[in-house]
Every structure is written in structure tokens, then in C-alpha cells.
Protein backbone atom coordinates (compact mmCIF):
# COMPACT_ATOMS: atom_id res chain seq x y z
CA UNK A 1 28.44 104.35 7.54
CA UNK A 2 28.32 106.98 10.24
CA UNK A 3 26.05 106.25 13.19
CA UNK A 4 24.16 109.35 14.30
CA UNK A 5 21.69 108.10 16.92
CA UNK A 6 20.81 105.20 19.19
CA UNK A 7 18.36 103.70 16.70
CA UNK A 8 21.11 103.37 14.07
CA UNK A 9 23.49 102.22 16.80
CA UNK A 10 21.18 99.41 17.92
CA UNK A 11 20.58 98.33 14.34
CA UNK A 12 24.32 98.14 13.71
CA UNK A 13 24.86 96.13 16.91
CA UNK A 14 22.09 93.67 16.00
CA UNK A 15 23.85 92.87 12.72
CA UNK A 16 27.01 91.79 14.54
CA UNK A 17 27.67 88.18 15.49
CA UNK A 18 27.83 87.38 19.20
CA UNK A 19 31.63 87.13 18.97
CA UNK A 20 31.83 90.56 17.34
CA UNK A 21 29.39 92.02 19.88
CA UNK A 22 31.76 90.83 22.60
CA UNK A 23 34.75 92.49 20.93
CA UNK A 24 32.90 95.79 20.51
CA UNK A 25 31.56 95.55 24.06
CA UNK A 26 35.07 95.07 25.40
CA UNK A 27 35.96 98.40 23.80
CA UNK A 28 32.94 100.03 25.47
CA UNK A 29 34.16 98.75 28.84
CA UNK A 30 37.74 99.82 28.14
CA UNK A 31 36.45 103.36 27.55
CA UNK A 32 35.20 103.57 31.16
CA UNK A 33 37.63 101.16 32.80
CA UNK A 34 39.37 104.01 34.63
CA UNK A 35 36.25 104.22 36.81
CA UNK A 36 36.86 100.75 38.26
CA UNK A 37 40.42 99.54 38.78
CA UNK A 38 39.44 95.99 39.73
CA UNK A 39 41.93 93.55 38.14
CA UNK A 40 39.18 90.98 37.51
CA UNK A 41 37.59 93.28 34.94
CA UNK A 42 40.85 93.92 33.14
CA UNK A 43 41.54 90.18 33.08
CA UNK A 44 38.04 89.47 31.76
CA UNK A 45 38.59 91.92 28.90
CA UNK A 46 41.89 90.22 28.05
CA UNK A 47 40.02 86.92 27.79
CA UNK A 48 37.32 88.41 25.57
CA UNK A 49 39.95 89.93 23.30
CA UNK A 50 41.93 86.67 23.11
CA UNK A 51 40.33 84.58 20.37
CA UNK A 52 42.14 81.52 21.72
CA UNK A 53 40.58 81.62 25.19
CA UNK A 54 39.24 78.39 26.57
CA UNK A 55 35.63 77.94 27.57
CA UNK A 56 36.81 77.37 31.13
CA UNK A 57 38.68 80.71 31.17
CA UNK A 58 35.62 82.44 29.75
CA UNK A 59 33.21 80.83 32.22
CA UNK A 60 35.50 81.64 35.14
CA UNK A 61 35.79 85.26 34.01
CA UNK A 62 32.00 85.54 33.80
CA UNK A 63 31.51 84.01 37.25
CA UNK A 64 34.16 86.27 38.79
CA UNK A 65 32.72 89.43 37.24
CA UNK A 66 29.17 88.40 38.15
CA UNK A 67 30.26 87.92 41.76
CA UNK A 68 32.02 91.29 41.68
CA UNK A 69 28.82 92.90 40.34
CA UNK A 70 26.93 91.67 43.41
CA UNK A 71 29.70 92.98 45.68
CA UNK A 72 29.85 96.41 44.00
CA UNK A 73 26.06 96.68 44.12
CA UNK A 74 26.05 96.15 47.87
CA UNK A 75 28.99 98.56 48.27
CA UNK A 76 27.03 101.40 46.66
CA UNK A 77 25.05 101.94 49.85
CA UNK A 78 22.19 104.29 50.44
CA UNK A 79 24.11 107.56 50.50
CA UNK A 80 24.63 107.85 46.73
CA UNK A 81 28.36 107.38 46.52
CA UNK A 82 28.63 108.24 42.84
CA UNK A 83 32.14 106.82 42.49
CA UNK A 84 30.93 103.49 43.86
CA UNK A 85 27.94 103.62 41.53
CA UNK A 86 30.23 104.28 38.55
CA UNK A 87 32.44 101.33 39.53
CA UNK A 88 29.36 99.14 39.81
CA UNK A 89 28.13 100.07 36.33
CA UNK A 90 31.56 99.32 34.85
CA UNK A 91 31.31 95.89 36.44
CA UNK A 92 27.80 95.43 35.06
CA UNK A 93 29.05 96.43 31.60
CA UNK A 94 31.81 93.82 31.83
CA UNK A 95 29.27 91.25 32.99
CA UNK A 96 27.08 92.01 29.97
CA UNK A 97 30.09 91.59 27.69
CA UNK A 98 30.70 88.12 29.14
CA UNK A 99 27.09 86.92 29.26
CA UNK A 100 27.02 83.23 28.26
CA UNK A 101 25.03 82.46 25.14
CA UNK A 102 22.49 80.42 27.10
CA UNK A 103 21.59 83.58 29.07
CA UNK A 104 21.37 85.97 26.13
CA UNK A 105 17.57 85.77 25.89
CA UNK A 106 17.35 87.67 29.17
CA UNK A 107 19.27 90.69 27.86
CA UNK A 108 18.54 90.33 24.10
CA UNK A 109 21.60 92.22 22.81
CA UNK A 110 24.72 91.98 24.93
CA UNK A 111 26.47 94.87 23.15
CA UNK A 112 23.52 97.20 23.71
CA UNK A 113 23.34 96.19 27.40
CA UNK A 114 27.06 96.77 27.76
CA UNK A 115 26.77 100.17 26.06
CA UNK A 116 24.00 101.31 28.39
CA UNK A 117 25.85 100.15 31.51
CA UNK A 118 28.99 101.97 30.32
CA UNK A 119 26.99 105.15 29.78
CA UNK A 120 25.53 104.84 33.28
CA UNK A 121 29.06 104.56 34.68
CA UNK A 122 30.07 107.74 32.86
CA UNK A 123 26.94 109.57 34.07
CA UNK A 124 27.70 108.66 37.68
CA UNK A 125 31.28 109.88 37.26
CA UNK A 126 30.02 113.18 35.83
CA UNK A 127 27.68 113.66 38.78
CA UNK A 128 30.52 112.91 41.21
CA UNK A 129 32.88 115.37 39.54
CA UNK A 130 30.20 118.02 38.93
CA UNK A 131 31.58 118.55 35.43
CA UNK A 132 30.08 121.31 33.33
CA UNK A 133 31.15 119.67 30.08
CA UNK A 134 29.52 116.42 29.12
CA UNK A 135 31.87 113.83 27.65
CA UNK A 136 29.39 112.05 25.41
CA UNK A 137 29.96 108.32 25.85
CA UNK A 138 27.27 107.48 23.27
CA UNK A 139 29.21 109.32 20.55
CA UNK A 140 32.36 107.44 21.54
CA UNK A 141 30.44 104.21 21.22
CA UNK A 142 29.08 105.19 17.81
CA UNK A 143 32.65 105.81 16.65
CA UNK A 144 33.80 102.45 18.06
CA UNK A 145 31.10 100.58 16.12
CA UNK A 146 31.69 102.64 12.97
CA UNK A 147 35.40 101.79 13.10
CA UNK A 148 34.70 98.11 13.84
CA UNK A 149 32.32 97.78 10.90
CA UNK A 150 34.61 99.61 8.48
């Protein structure tokens, strides 16, 4: 299977178990992690990728990233600091990846939410750098899911 558009992408994500959505989402975050060097996010991804994590480790990682998301949101300010915005969206992507199952009804598909937040981070970084060439994060994500499913 080769995913060509967001409709196919969403359909593929919806077929994944929650555990597999988390693993794919962690890869989405890793793709934009250079935009936010906060150690809490890196640690959270290590927990997601460790199948032997405890529920306490997972809950703590979610709480820490959620708290960081509030902090990065308030740090963005009113003067459109695109680097700060990118860092915030990376944090939001990590938060989506860690969303506890009891909160999933509010975001429906955690992998899709994570993908969108990761794309927003990349868009902010492109605005900040005034790049002429668009590095298509969606296509990277399609490839990640294709490889995961294969």
C-alpha cells in the first residue's frame, strides 16, 4: 500500500490499534523533534517506544508534557515568534501521542491529532526560516505509516 493523500492516511491510521497509533505518532514527533529540544519530550518518546513501560511512567510523561504544552503556549506571546510556535506544536504533538485512553473521545484519533500538530510545527518553522522549498511533512508521515504497515 502506498498512501497518496490525507483521506487514505486517516483510513490507515484508524485501522491501527491504540498501541500502534502511539508508536507511529512517536515517529511523527521524532521527525520534528529538532524544533523543540525539551528533554521531557525526548523522555516521553522513549517511554512510548518502550513496550515495558509502567502505567506510572506513562501517566507521569503525559502529565509532564501536558504541563509543558501549557507553558509553551503562554511563551508564544502575541508577537508571532514562529520558533516558539513550532516548539509549542511539537509539544502538542507529543501530548497527543500520550493521550490516555480515557481521554481519546475528545480527540478521536490520537495519531491523526499528532500528525496535524507535527505539520503545524513544521509550517511554523518554514515561516520562521522563510524557506522557498517546502519540506512536505505529510509525505514523510505517509511514508512512516506505509513502512509501519508493511
